[in-house]
Amino acid sequence: MATQNKSSAVADSGAKPPYPFRTGWALFLLAVNLLVAAYYFHIIE
């Protein structure tokens, strides 16, 4: 089970190591989440 061949689902997904698009969205959503949290806890008004 530890061995993987080239027909595995992960290999066929076509994802490349840097993941720039998904990383960009993740950072954007994290920033929005922190901004909303800052409003909620009255850190910013």
Protein backbone atom coordinates (compact mmCIF):
# COMPACT_ATOMS: atom_id res chain seq x y z
CA MET A 1 0.00 0.00 0.00
CA ALA A 2 3.00 2.29 0.46
CA THR A 3 3.96 1.97 -3.20
CA GLN A 4 2.21 4.24 -5.66
CA ASN A 5 2.02 3.94 -9.41
CA LYS A 6 1.45 6.63 -12.01
CA SER A 7 -2.25 5.78 -12.31
CA SER A 8 -3.08 6.94 -8.77
CA ALA A 9 -5.64 9.71 -8.34
CA VAL A 10 -3.09 12.14 -6.90
CA ALA A 11 -0.72 11.70 -9.83
CA ASP A 12 -3.56 12.16 -12.33
CA SER A 13 -4.82 15.37 -10.74
CA GLY A 14 -2.25 17.42 -12.67
CA ALA A 15 -1.34 19.52 -9.62
CA LYS A 16 2.12 21.04 -9.60
CA PRO A 17 4.16 21.54 -6.40
CA PRO A 18 3.92 25.37 -6.04
CA TYR A 19 0.07 25.51 -6.20
CA PRO A 20 0.07 29.29 -6.90
CA PHE A 21 -3.64 29.70 -7.65
CA ARG A 22 -4.94 27.74 -4.67
CA THR A 23 -2.34 29.30 -2.35
CA GLY A 24 -3.38 32.78 -3.46
CA TRP A 25 -7.03 32.08 -2.72
CA ALA A 26 -6.16 30.50 0.63
CA LEU A 27 -4.18 33.59 1.69
CA PHE A 28 -6.94 35.91 0.45
CA LEU A 29 -9.63 34.06 2.38
CA LEU A 30 -7.44 33.95 5.48
CA ALA A 31 -6.93 37.73 5.28
CA VAL A 32 -10.69 38.32 4.94
CA ASN A 33 -11.34 35.97 7.86
CA LEU A 34 -8.87 37.85 10.08
CA LEU A 35 -10.39 41.18 9.03
CA VAL A 36 -13.88 40.00 9.98
CA ALA A 37 -12.54 38.65 13.29
CA ALA A 38 -10.90 42.01 14.02
CA TYR A 39 -14.23 43.78 13.48
CA TYR A 40 -16.02 41.22 15.62
CA PHE A 41 -13.66 41.61 18.57
CA HIS A 42 -13.62 45.44 18.15
CA ILE A 43 -9.90 45.50 17.38
CA ILE A 44 -10.81 47.78 14.48
CA GLU A 45 -13.93 49.92 14.36
